[in-house]
Protein backbone atom coordinates (compact mmCIF):
# COMPACT_ATOMS: atom_id res chain seq x y z
CA UNK A 1 -126.15 -97.55 91.52
CA UNK A 2 -128.83 -95.82 93.64
CA UNK A 3 -129.50 -97.02 97.21
CA UNK A 4 -133.01 -98.05 96.41
CA UNK A 5 -131.61 -100.53 93.88
CA UNK A 6 -129.44 -102.17 96.57
CA UNK A 7 -130.09 -105.32 98.60
CA UNK A 8 -131.87 -103.27 101.40
CA UNK A 9 -134.57 -101.64 99.34
CA UNK A 10 -137.31 -102.96 101.68
CA UNK A 11 -135.53 -101.86 104.86
CA UNK A 12 -137.81 -99.42 106.85
CA UNK A 13 -135.64 -98.65 109.90
CA UNK A 14 -133.65 -95.41 110.04
CA UNK A 15 -130.19 -95.97 108.57
CA UNK A 16 -128.24 -93.90 111.15
CA UNK A 17 -129.83 -95.71 114.20
CA UNK A 18 -129.28 -99.08 112.62
CA UNK A 19 -125.62 -98.34 111.88
CA UNK A 20 -125.04 -97.08 115.44
CA UNK A 21 -126.57 -100.18 116.97
CA UNK A 22 -124.49 -102.42 114.78
CA UNK A 23 -121.32 -100.55 115.71
CA UNK A 24 -122.14 -100.85 119.47
CA UNK A 25 -122.86 -104.52 119.15
CA UNK A 26 -119.56 -104.98 117.30
CA UNK A 27 -117.55 -103.14 119.92
CA UNK A 28 -119.13 -105.06 122.78
CA UNK A 29 -118.44 -108.32 121.06
CA UNK A 30 -114.79 -107.37 120.52
CA UNK A 31 -114.36 -106.49 124.21
CA UNK A 32 -115.86 -109.80 125.24
CA UNK A 33 -113.55 -111.70 123.00
CA UNK A 34 -110.56 -109.90 124.29
CA UNK A 35 -111.53 -110.44 127.88
CA UNK A 36 -112.18 -114.10 127.45
CA UNK A 37 -109.18 -114.74 125.29
CA UNK A 38 -106.94 -115.58 128.21
CA UNK A 39 -109.38 -117.96 129.84
CA UNK A 40 -110.42 -119.93 126.74
CA UNK A 41 -108.45 -122.24 124.59
CA UNK A 42 -107.16 -121.26 121.20
CA UNK A 43 -109.78 -123.45 119.44
CA UNK A 44 -112.70 -121.76 121.12
CA UNK A 45 -111.31 -118.24 120.43
CA UNK A 46 -110.93 -119.05 116.81
CA UNK A 47 -114.47 -120.36 116.65
CA UNK A 48 -115.88 -117.25 118.28
CA UNK A 49 -113.78 -114.95 116.09
CA UNK A 50 -115.16 -116.70 113.03
CA UNK A 51 -118.66 -116.34 114.23
CA UNK A 52 -118.26 -112.61 114.94
CA UNK A 53 -116.71 -112.05 111.53
CA UNK A 54 -119.62 -113.89 109.84
CA UNK A 55 -122.14 -111.73 111.77
CA UNK A 56 -120.39 -108.39 111.12
CA UNK A 57 -119.75 -109.01 107.40
CA UNK A 58 -123.21 -107.78 106.18
CA UNK A 59 -122.80 -104.71 108.46
CA UNK A 60 -119.50 -103.90 106.82
CA UNK A 61 -121.03 -104.13 103.41
CA UNK A 62 -123.83 -101.81 104.40
CA UNK A 63 -121.40 -99.27 105.92
CA UNK A 64 -119.18 -99.42 102.74
CA UNK A 65 -122.11 -99.05 100.34
CA UNK A 66 -122.44 -95.21 100.77
CA UNK A 67 -118.70 -94.87 100.16
CA UNK A 68 -118.95 -96.86 96.94
CA UNK A 69 -122.01 -94.93 95.78
CA UNK A 70 -120.25 -91.64 96.53
CA UNK A 71 -117.23 -92.73 94.50
CA UNK A 72 -119.47 -93.76 91.55
CA UNK A 73 -121.20 -90.40 91.64
CA UNK A 74 -117.93 -88.54 91.76
CA UNK A 75 -116.60 -90.58 88.93
CA UNK A 76 -119.79 -90.04 86.90
CA UNK A 77 -119.73 -86.29 87.39
CA UNK A 78 -116.00 -86.13 86.62
CA UNK A 79 -116.46 -88.17 83.46
CA UNK A 80 -119.35 -85.95 82.37
CA UNK A 81 -117.30 -82.79 82.66
CA UNK A 82 -114.29 -84.46 80.99
CA UNK A 83 -116.54 -85.82 78.14
CA UNK A 84 -117.12 -82.26 76.84
CA UNK A 85 -113.43 -81.64 76.29
CA UNK A 86 -113.00 -85.19 74.99
CA UNK A 87 -115.82 -84.70 72.61
CA UNK A 88 -114.26 -81.45 71.32
CA UNK A 89 -110.93 -83.19 70.83
CA UNK A 90 -112.56 -86.07 68.97
CA UNK A 91 -114.42 -83.60 66.74
CA UNK A 92 -111.14 -82.00 65.76
CA UNK A 93 -109.60 -85.38 65.05
CA UNK A 94 -112.62 -86.36 62.92
CA UNK A 95 -112.31 -83.19 60.91
CA UNK A 96 -108.59 -83.70 60.34
CA UNK A 97 -109.07 -87.33 59.44
CA UNK A 98 -111.88 -86.42 57.00
CA UNK A 99 -109.38 -84.35 55.03
CA UNK A 100 -106.95 -87.22 55.06
CA UNK A 101 -109.73 -89.60 54.00
CA UNK A 102 -110.68 -87.44 51.05
CA UNK A 103 -107.00 -87.20 49.99
CA UNK A 104 -106.56 -90.93 50.39
CA UNK A 105 -109.60 -91.68 48.26
CA UNK A 106 -108.37 -89.35 45.56
CA UNK A 107 -104.90 -90.99 45.59
CA UNK A 108 -106.55 -94.44 45.52
CA UNK A 109 -108.52 -93.49 42.38
CA UNK A 110 -105.40 -92.03 40.74
CA UNK A 111 -103.39 -95.18 41.68
CA UNK A 112 -106.12 -97.38 40.26
CA UNK A 113 -106.06 -95.51 36.95
CA UNK A 114 -102.28 -95.64 36.87
CA UNK A 115 -102.42 -99.40 37.42
CA UNK A 116 -104.88 -99.83 34.60
CA UNK A 117 -102.71 -97.72 32.32
CA UNK A 118 -99.64 -99.69 33.27
CA UNK A 119 -101.52 -102.82 32.16
CA UNK A 120 -101.65 -101.53 28.58
CA UNK A 121 -99.27 -103.50 26.37
CA UNK A 122 -98.64 -103.19 22.64
CA UNK A 123 -97.77 -106.11 20.35
CA UNK A 124 -94.90 -105.96 19.44
CA UNK A 125 -93.70 -104.02 22.58
CA UNK A 126 -93.44 -100.27 22.03
CA UNK A 127 -91.92 -97.80 24.56
CA UNK A 128 -94.49 -95.58 26.22
CA UNK A 129 -94.52 -92.46 28.40
CA UNK A 130 -97.33 -91.35 30.74
CA UNK A 131 -98.57 -87.79 31.15
CA UNK A 132 -101.39 -85.64 32.44
CA UNK A 133 -103.69 -83.67 30.10
CA UNK A 134 -105.60 -80.42 30.31
CA UNK A 135 -108.21 -78.98 27.93
CA UNK A 136 -106.83 -76.97 24.99
CA UNK A 137 -109.44 -74.29 24.27
CA UNK A 138 -107.35 -71.73 22.34
CA UNK A 139 -105.73 -74.01 19.74
CA UNK A 140 -106.66 -74.49 16.10
CA UNK A 141 -108.55 -77.71 16.84
CA UNK A 142 -112.06 -77.99 18.25
CA UNK A 143 -111.28 -81.08 20.29
CA UNK A 144 -107.77 -81.13 21.57
CA UNK A 145 -105.75 -81.40 24.82
CA UNK A 146 -102.37 -80.38 26.08
CA UNK A 147 -100.05 -82.97 27.69
CA UNK A 148 -97.12 -82.29 30.01
CA UNK A 149 -94.85 -84.35 27.77
CA UNK A 150 -92.60 -83.05 25.01
CA UNK A 151 -89.58 -83.70 22.92
CA UNK A 152 -87.46 -84.13 26.05
CA UNK A 153 -89.56 -87.26 26.71
CA UNK A 154 -89.17 -88.59 23.18
CA UNK A 155 -92.67 -87.55 21.94
CA UNK A 156 -92.97 -86.70 18.27
CA UNK A 157 -95.84 -85.57 16.01
CA UNK A 158 -97.93 -88.52 14.91
CA UNK A 159 -97.53 -90.58 18.05
CA UNK A 160 -100.79 -92.24 19.16
CA UNK A 161 -102.11 -91.70 22.70
CA UNK A 162 -104.09 -94.16 24.80
CA UNK A 163 -106.15 -93.92 28.00
CA UNK A 164 -106.72 -96.91 30.21
CA UNK A 165 -109.64 -97.90 28.04
CA UNK A 166 -108.57 -97.27 24.39
CA UNK A 167 -107.10 -94.94 21.84
CA UNK A 168 -107.62 -91.21 22.47
CA UNK A 169 -105.94 -89.44 19.56
CA UNK A 170 -102.68 -88.51 18.00
CA UNK A 171 -100.01 -85.92 18.70
CA UNK A 172 -100.18 -82.96 16.31
CA UNK A 173 -97.48 -80.70 17.75
CA UNK A 174 -94.56 -80.93 20.18
CA UNK A 175 -92.53 -78.43 22.14
CA UNK A 176 -89.77 -79.08 24.68
CA UNK A 177 -92.10 -79.94 27.56
CA UNK A 178 -95.67 -79.76 26.19
CA UNK A 179 -97.51 -81.57 23.37
CA UNK A 180 -100.83 -81.05 21.66
CA UNK A 181 -103.14 -84.09 21.43
CA UNK A 182 -105.85 -84.06 18.79
CA UNK A 183 -108.76 -86.30 19.86
CA UNK A 184 -110.25 -88.90 17.55
CA UNK A 185 -113.54 -86.95 17.74
CA UNK A 186 -112.05 -83.81 16.11
CA UNK A 187 -113.19 -83.06 12.55
CA UNK A 188 -109.62 -83.34 11.27
CA UNK A 189 -108.99 -86.78 12.74
CA UNK A 190 -108.71 -89.75 10.40
CA UNK A 191 -107.57 -93.11 11.72
CA UNK A 192 -107.47 -96.47 9.79
CA UNK A 193 -109.45 -99.11 11.75
CA UNK A 194 -110.85 -102.56 11.29
CA UNK A 195 -113.79 -104.64 12.54
CA UNK A 196 -112.33 -107.36 14.68
CA UNK A 197 -115.00 -109.93 13.72
CA UNK A 198 -114.68 -109.64 9.92
CA UNK A 199 -111.35 -107.84 9.40
CA UNK A 200 -113.30 -105.22 7.41
CA UNK A 201 -111.20 -102.10 6.93
CA UNK A 202 -112.61 -98.53 7.34
CA UNK A 203 -111.56 -95.04 8.28
CA UNK A 204 -112.62 -93.62 11.60
CA UNK A 205 -113.58 -90.00 10.76
CA UNK A 206 -114.27 -87.51 13.56
CA UNK A 207 -117.12 -85.03 13.17
CA UNK A 208 -117.00 -83.19 16.51
CA UNK A 209 -119.48 -85.62 18.09
CA UNK A 210 -118.86 -88.15 20.80
CA UNK A 211 -119.29 -91.03 18.29
CA UNK A 212 -117.15 -90.69 15.19
CA UNK A 213 -118.40 -92.32 12.00
CA UNK A 214 -116.96 -95.18 9.90
CA UNK A 215 -116.16 -94.12 6.25
CA UNK A 216 -114.98 -96.08 3.24
CA UNK A 217 -115.98 -99.45 4.69
CA UNK A 218 -114.69 -102.32 2.57
CA UNK A 219 -117.10 -105.06 1.84
CA UNK A 220 -120.86 -105.58 1.96
CA UNK A 221 -122.74 -106.46 5.17
CA UNK A 222 -119.52 -106.83 7.09
CA UNK A 223 -120.58 -104.68 10.07
CA UNK A 224 -123.13 -105.35 12.76
CA UNK A 225 -124.08 -103.45 15.89
CA UNK A 226 -121.87 -104.38 18.81
CA UNK A 227 -118.83 -105.31 16.67
CA UNK A 228 -115.55 -104.46 18.34
CA UNK A 229 -113.39 -102.00 16.42
CA UNK A 230 -109.53 -101.82 16.71
CA UNK A 231 -106.77 -100.06 14.81
CA UNK A 232 -105.77 -101.82 11.61
CA UNK A 233 -102.20 -100.58 11.39
CA UNK A 234 -102.67 -99.71 7.65
CA UNK A 235 -100.29 -97.04 6.55
CA UNK A 236 -97.80 -97.77 9.32
CA UNK A 237 -98.72 -94.72 11.36
CA UNK A 238 -100.45 -96.52 14.23
CA UNK A 239 -99.83 -100.05 15.58
CA UNK A 240 -102.42 -102.65 14.91
CA UNK A 241 -104.79 -103.98 17.62
CA UNK A 242 -105.28 -100.85 19.82
CA UNK A 243 -108.88 -100.86 21.19
CA UNK A 244 -111.12 -98.17 19.75
CA UNK A 245 -114.82 -98.92 20.58
CA UNK A 246 -117.93 -100.78 19.48
CA UNK A 247 -120.12 -100.23 16.41
CA UNK A 248 -123.50 -98.54 16.75
CA UNK A 249 -126.10 -97.26 14.27
CA UNK A 250 -126.36 -93.49 14.25
CA UNK A 251 -129.58 -91.45 14.02
CA UNK A 252 -128.57 -90.40 10.45
CA UNK A 253 -128.27 -94.05 9.38
CA UNK A 254 -124.48 -94.16 9.25
CA UNK A 255 -122.24 -96.55 11.16
CA UNK A 256 -120.62 -94.93 14.17
CA UNK A 257 -118.30 -96.04 16.94
CA UNK A 258 -118.93 -95.73 20.72
CA UNK A 259 -115.42 -95.00 21.91
CA UNK A 260 -113.96 -96.85 24.86
CA UNK A 261 -112.03 -93.74 25.89
CA UNK A 262 -115.30 -91.84 26.49
CA UNK A 263 -116.12 -94.03 29.49
CA UNK A 264 -114.08 -91.78 31.85
CA UNK A 265 -112.54 -88.33 31.81
CA UNK A 266 -109.29 -88.11 29.74
CA UNK A 267 -107.02 -86.91 32.51
CA UNK A 268 -104.08 -89.31 32.09
CA UNK A 269 -102.79 -90.76 28.78
CA UNK A 270 -99.95 -92.94 27.63
CA UNK A 271 -98.19 -91.78 24.46
CA UNK A 272 -96.73 -94.58 22.32
CA UNK A 273 -93.31 -93.54 21.02
CA UNK A 274 -94.15 -95.05 17.63
CA UNK A 275 -93.17 -93.63 14.29
CA UNK A 276 -93.39 -96.58 11.83
CA UNK A 277 -92.76 -100.31 11.79
CA UNK A 278 -89.11 -99.84 10.80
CA UNK A 279 -88.35 -99.03 14.43
CA UNK A 280 -89.57 -102.42 15.50
CA UNK A 281 -87.21 -104.49 13.29
CA UNK A 282 -83.60 -104.45 12.18
CA UNK A 283 -83.56 -103.47 8.46
CA UNK A 284 -80.34 -105.46 7.94
CA UNK A 285 -82.10 -108.63 9.02
CA UNK A 286 -84.47 -108.27 6.04
CA UNK A 287 -81.49 -108.09 3.57
CA UNK A 288 -79.56 -111.11 4.93
CA UNK A 289 -78.12 -113.60 2.38
CA UNK A 290 -80.50 -116.34 1.25
CA UNK A 291 -78.34 -119.15 2.75
CA UNK A 292 -77.33 -117.32 5.93
CA UNK A 293 -79.26 -119.82 8.07
CA UNK A 294 -77.33 -122.77 6.65
CA UNK A 295 -74.22 -121.82 8.68
CA UNK A 296 -76.14 -122.17 11.94
CA UNK A 297 -77.86 -125.47 10.92
CA UNK A 298 -76.69 -128.65 12.69
CA UNK A 299 -74.43 -131.06 10.73
CA UNK A 300 -76.36 -133.74 8.78
CA UNK A 301 -76.36 -137.44 9.85
CA UNK A 302 -74.58 -139.99 7.65
CA UNK A 303 -77.92 -141.11 6.13
CA UNK A 304 -78.81 -137.45 5.43
CA UNK A 305 -75.39 -136.81 3.95
CA UNK A 306 -75.75 -139.80 1.65
CA UNK A 307 -79.13 -138.68 0.55
CA UNK A 308 -77.83 -135.15 -0.05
CA UNK A 309 -74.93 -136.48 -2.13
CA UNK A 310 -77.23 -138.78 -4.08
CA UNK A 311 -79.60 -135.92 -4.84
CA UNK A 312 -76.64 -133.68 -5.75
CA UNK A 313 -75.26 -136.37 -8.10
CA UNK A 314 -78.67 -136.85 -9.73
CA UNK A 315 -79.04 -133.09 -10.19
CA UNK A 316 -75.53 -132.87 -11.70
CA UNK A 317 -76.21 -135.75 -14.13
CA UNK A 318 -79.53 -134.18 -15.01
CA UNK A 319 -77.83 -130.84 -15.69
CA UNK A 320 -75.21 -132.51 -17.85
CA UNK A 321 -77.91 -134.34 -19.75
CA UNK A 322 -79.84 -131.16 -20.26
CA UNK A 323 -76.65 -129.42 -21.39
CA UNK A 324 -75.92 -132.20 -23.87
CA UNK A 325 -79.40 -132.09 -25.22
CA UNK A 326 -79.12 -128.34 -25.51
CA UNK A 327 -75.86 -128.72 -27.45
CA UNK A 328 -77.36 -131.30 -29.78
CA UNK A 329 -80.37 -129.08 -30.34
CA UNK A 330 -78.18 -126.21 -31.01
CA UNK A 331 -76.08 -128.16 -33.52
CA UNK A 332 -79.18 -129.46 -35.21
CA UNK A 333 -80.63 -125.95 -35.38
CA UNK A 334 -77.38 -124.67 -36.91
CA UNK A 335 -77.39 -127.53 -39.46
CA UNK A 336 -81.04 -126.80 -40.31
CA UNK A 337 -80.25 -123.10 -40.72
CA UNK A 338 -77.28 -123.90 -42.96
CA UNK A 339 -79.36 -126.34 -45.04
CA UNK A 340 -82.10 -123.79 -45.31
CA UNK A 341 -79.56 -121.13 -46.31
CA UNK A 342 -78.08 -123.36 -48.97
CA UNK A 343 -81.49 -124.23 -50.21
CA UNK A 344 -82.46 -120.56 -50.40
CA UNK A 345 -79.17 -119.79 -52.20
CA UNK A 346 -79.75 -122.66 -54.65
CA UNK A 347 -83.21 -121.41 -55.24
CA UNK A 348 -81.86 -117.96 -55.85
CA UNK A 349 -79.32 -119.30 -58.27
CA UNK A 350 -81.86 -121.35 -60.05
CA UNK A 351 -84.18 -118.39 -60.27
CA UNK A 352 -81.30 -116.22 -61.62
CA UNK A 353 -80.36 -118.85 -64.18
CA UNK A 354 -83.99 -119.20 -65.22
CA UNK A 355 -84.34 -115.47 -65.58
CA UNK A 356 -81.13 -115.25 -67.58
CA UNK A 357 -82.45 -118.04 -69.88
CA UNK A 358 -85.70 -116.30 -70.28
CA UNK A 359 -83.93 -113.04 -71.10
CA UNK A 360 -81.64 -114.76 -73.66
CA UNK A 361 -84.65 -116.47 -75.28
CA UNK A 362 -86.42 -113.10 -75.47
CA UNK A 363 -83.35 -111.55 -77.13
CA UNK A 364 -83.13 -114.32 -79.71
CA UNK A 365 -86.82 -113.89 -80.43
CA UNK A 366 -86.38 -110.24 -81.21
CA UNK A 367 -83.32 -110.61 -83.28
CA UNK A 368 -84.70 -113.40 -85.57
CA UNK A 369 -87.39 -111.35 -87.39
CA UNK A 370 -84.92 -108.53 -88.09
CA UNK A 371 -82.60 -110.99 -89.77
CA UNK A 372 -85.38 -112.36 -92.07
CA UNK A 373 -86.45 -108.91 -93.44
CA UNK A 374 -82.97 -107.93 -94.56
CA UNK A 375 -81.68 -107.83 -98.33
CA UNK A 376 -81.24 -111.13 -100.09
């Protein structure tokens, strides 16, 4: 704080003379107090000492003001010179922290994508492995990527791959530590899909564009713009229900799909270790005996047991009655067959007798004229 801003800004007397006068007055007052201390009582000395202190207090403040101002100036100058080095040190810290900030932001983005990918679940549950992809520009496919996953991780040709948004493609080749992923936009890609709203089946055919087309759509007027498309699971090569995209009308008039996986770069994928639906179930459970569950059923109550026995008795009586009716019908059928056979045999005999009689009559008719024309 400058002196002109102090409490004595309107003071016109020289400062040095004023200070000297104040000092002289103070010294004289002190001598007087010391000289009269022995002659006055303790109460009067205390009273005078208090008055002197009250009178000299403003003088002390005035005398200490230059010292304070000098200290403030020294502190200000010292802080100014130290601020240069402090500013340089802070700049170095800011530059170092900027690198850490960029790295933290990158790790935060990667962590967020990992969390989204970990949130992917298949129904029924299917084991998955996560890997990083790079562009494959020298392979036989126009749109493919290489993944740092291989046979050591359980990956096999045909396994579907997903990003955090939806299906990306299928594995076409596998080595020990690297796999080739053919994207759904490649011209060789064919994936069975379905429209979630109408269950209409179709084939998602890639044509090297960002929006593959829908071929072989089953049904009439079963697709609308904005319909959500998922995998159908037909053929058993890909699980059902994996998100694919939404339907849109192409400029060529065909139905196309805006892929969910095209929303962000395909840097990280999850490969479903899926071959076919046989790996999801126990084949022996499908060939269990027909009454295998009866052994694990709880015992029946007395009323249920009586009803079961009554039903079993009625079924046994009905089976016996049916068997008796079948035997009677069989006996009657045999008797009818015998009667019909005897009738046919009788008819044959009668026909034979009739034929023999006709033949004998014919013979007699031929022999009679010959006997009448003979000699008399």
